[in-house]
Amino acid sequence: MPMSVKSAKNQLSLLASFGASYQKYIRKITDPVALDEDYEHIDSCDLDEMDIQWQMAMISIRA
């Protein structure tokens, strides 16, 4: 069954959100200047947001 334009836009938006959160995460964990102490200062809300975005992306892939 063909996908509606609205549904496609929603899925692309989720995918873009996933990509952005992934890039933020990768920058944080691959920064050579960052020390272990710096990771303690990562805001837990940011991690929660990335987790929610990851879960939404996985749901859209399964759908």
C-alpha atoms as a PDB file:
ATOM      1  CA  MET A   1       0.000   0.000   0.000  1.00  0.00           C
ATOM      2  CA  PRO A   2       1.434   3.426  -0.919  1.00  0.00           C
ATOM      3  CA  MET A   3       2.577   5.694   1.863  1.00  0.00           C
ATOM      4  CA  SER A   4       0.901   9.070   2.241  1.00  0.00           C
ATOM      5  CA  VAL A   5       2.951  12.231   1.928  1.00  0.00           C
ATOM      6  CA  LYS A   6       2.178  13.144   5.549  1.00  0.00           C
ATOM      7  CA  SER A   7       3.333   9.738   6.769  1.00  0.00           C
ATOM      8  CA  ALA A   8       6.513   9.965   4.692  1.00  0.00           C
ATOM      9  CA  LYS A   9       7.270  13.430   6.080  1.00  0.00           C
ATOM     10  CA  ASN A  10       6.760  12.155   9.635  1.00  0.00           C
ATOM     11  CA  GLN A  11       9.099   9.227   9.050  1.00  0.00           C
ATOM     12  CA  LEU A  12      11.737  11.442   7.462  1.00  0.00           C
ATOM     13  CA  SER A  13      11.462  13.825  10.390  1.00  0.00           C
ATOM     14  CA  LEU A  14      12.025  10.949  12.807  1.00  0.00           C
ATOM     15  CA  LEU A  15      14.979   9.756  10.793  1.00  0.00           C
ATOM     16  CA  ALA A  16      16.494  13.246  10.749  1.00  0.00           C
ATOM     17  CA  SER A  17      15.979  13.511  14.496  1.00  0.00           C
ATOM     18  CA  PHE A  18      17.681  10.164  14.981  1.00  0.00           C
ATOM     19  CA  GLY A  19      20.593  11.261  12.812  1.00  0.00           C
ATOM     20  CA  ALA A  20      21.033  14.492  14.731  1.00  0.00           C
ATOM     21  CA  SER A  21      20.968  12.765  18.114  1.00  0.00           C
ATOM     22  CA  TYR A  22      23.409  10.119  16.880  1.00  0.00           C
ATOM     23  CA  GLN A  23      25.819  12.787  15.653  1.00  0.00           C
ATOM     24  CA  LYS A  24      25.638  14.607  19.006  1.00  0.00           C
ATOM     25  CA  TYR A  25      26.340  11.359  20.826  1.00  0.00           C
ATOM     26  CA  ILE A  26      29.258  10.387  18.576  1.00  0.00           C
ATOM     27  CA  ARG A  27      30.845  13.832  18.959  1.00  0.00           C
ATOM     28  CA  LYS A  28      30.658  13.474  22.736  1.00  0.00           C
ATOM     29  CA  ILE A  29      32.219  10.016  22.878  1.00  0.00           C
ATOM     30  CA  THR A  30      34.918  10.533  20.230  1.00  0.00           C
ATOM     31  CA  ASP A  31      36.274  13.885  21.371  1.00  0.00           C
ATOM     32  CA  PRO A  32      39.969  13.181  22.070  1.00  0.00           C
ATOM     33  CA  VAL A  33      40.165  16.106  24.499  1.00  0.00           C
ATOM     34  CA  ALA A  34      37.320  14.803  26.654  1.00  0.00           C
ATOM     35  CA  LEU A  35      38.332  13.084  29.874  1.00  0.00           C
ATOM     36  CA  ASP A  36      36.388  10.569  31.919  1.00  0.00           C
ATOM     37  CA  GLU A  37      35.460  13.355  34.346  1.00  0.00           C
ATOM     38  CA  ASP A  38      33.798  15.256  31.498  1.00  0.00           C
ATOM     39  CA  TYR A  39      31.357  12.414  30.938  1.00  0.00           C
ATOM     40  CA  GLU A  40      30.032  12.904  34.447  1.00  0.00           C
ATOM     41  CA  HIS A  41      28.869  16.364  33.361  1.00  0.00           C
ATOM     42  CA  ILE A  42      26.703  15.149  30.478  1.00  0.00           C
ATOM     43  CA  ASP A  43      23.176  16.219  31.257  1.00  0.00           C
ATOM     44  CA  SER A  44      20.955  13.220  31.947  1.00  0.00           C
ATOM     45  CA  CYS A  45      18.102  15.016  30.152  1.00  0.00           C
ATOM     46  CA  ASP A  46      20.203  14.997  26.967  1.00  0.00           C
ATOM     47  CA  LEU A  47      20.750  11.273  27.329  1.00  0.00           C
ATOM     48  CA  ASP A  48      17.046  10.723  27.949  1.00  0.00           C
ATOM     49  CA  GLU A  49      16.181  12.782  24.864  1.00  0.00           C
ATOM     50  CA  MET A  50      18.619  10.800  22.727  1.00  0.00           C
ATOM     51  CA  ASP A  51      17.180   7.553  24.072  1.00  0.00           C
ATOM     52  CA  ILE A  52      13.619   8.629  23.220  1.00  0.00           C
ATOM     53  CA  GLN A  53      14.697   9.721  19.733  1.00  0.00           C
ATOM     54  CA  TRP A  54      16.474   6.386  19.233  1.00  0.00           C
ATOM     55  CA  GLN A  55      13.376   4.479  20.320  1.00  0.00           C
ATOM     56  CA  MET A  56      11.159   6.533  17.994  1.00  0.00           C
ATOM     57  CA  ALA A  57      13.518   5.858  15.083  1.00  0.00           C
ATOM     58  CA  MET A  58      13.461   2.130  15.823  1.00  0.00           C
ATOM     59  CA  ILE A  59       9.641   2.167  15.976  1.00  0.00           C
ATOM     60  CA  SER A  60       9.458   3.904  12.605  1.00  0.00           C
ATOM     61  CA  ILE A  61      11.849   1.359  11.086  1.00  0.00           C
ATOM     62  CA  ARG A  62       9.719  -1.503  12.385  1.00  0.00           C
ATOM     63  CA  ALA A  63       6.561   0.113  11.047  1.00  0.00           C
END
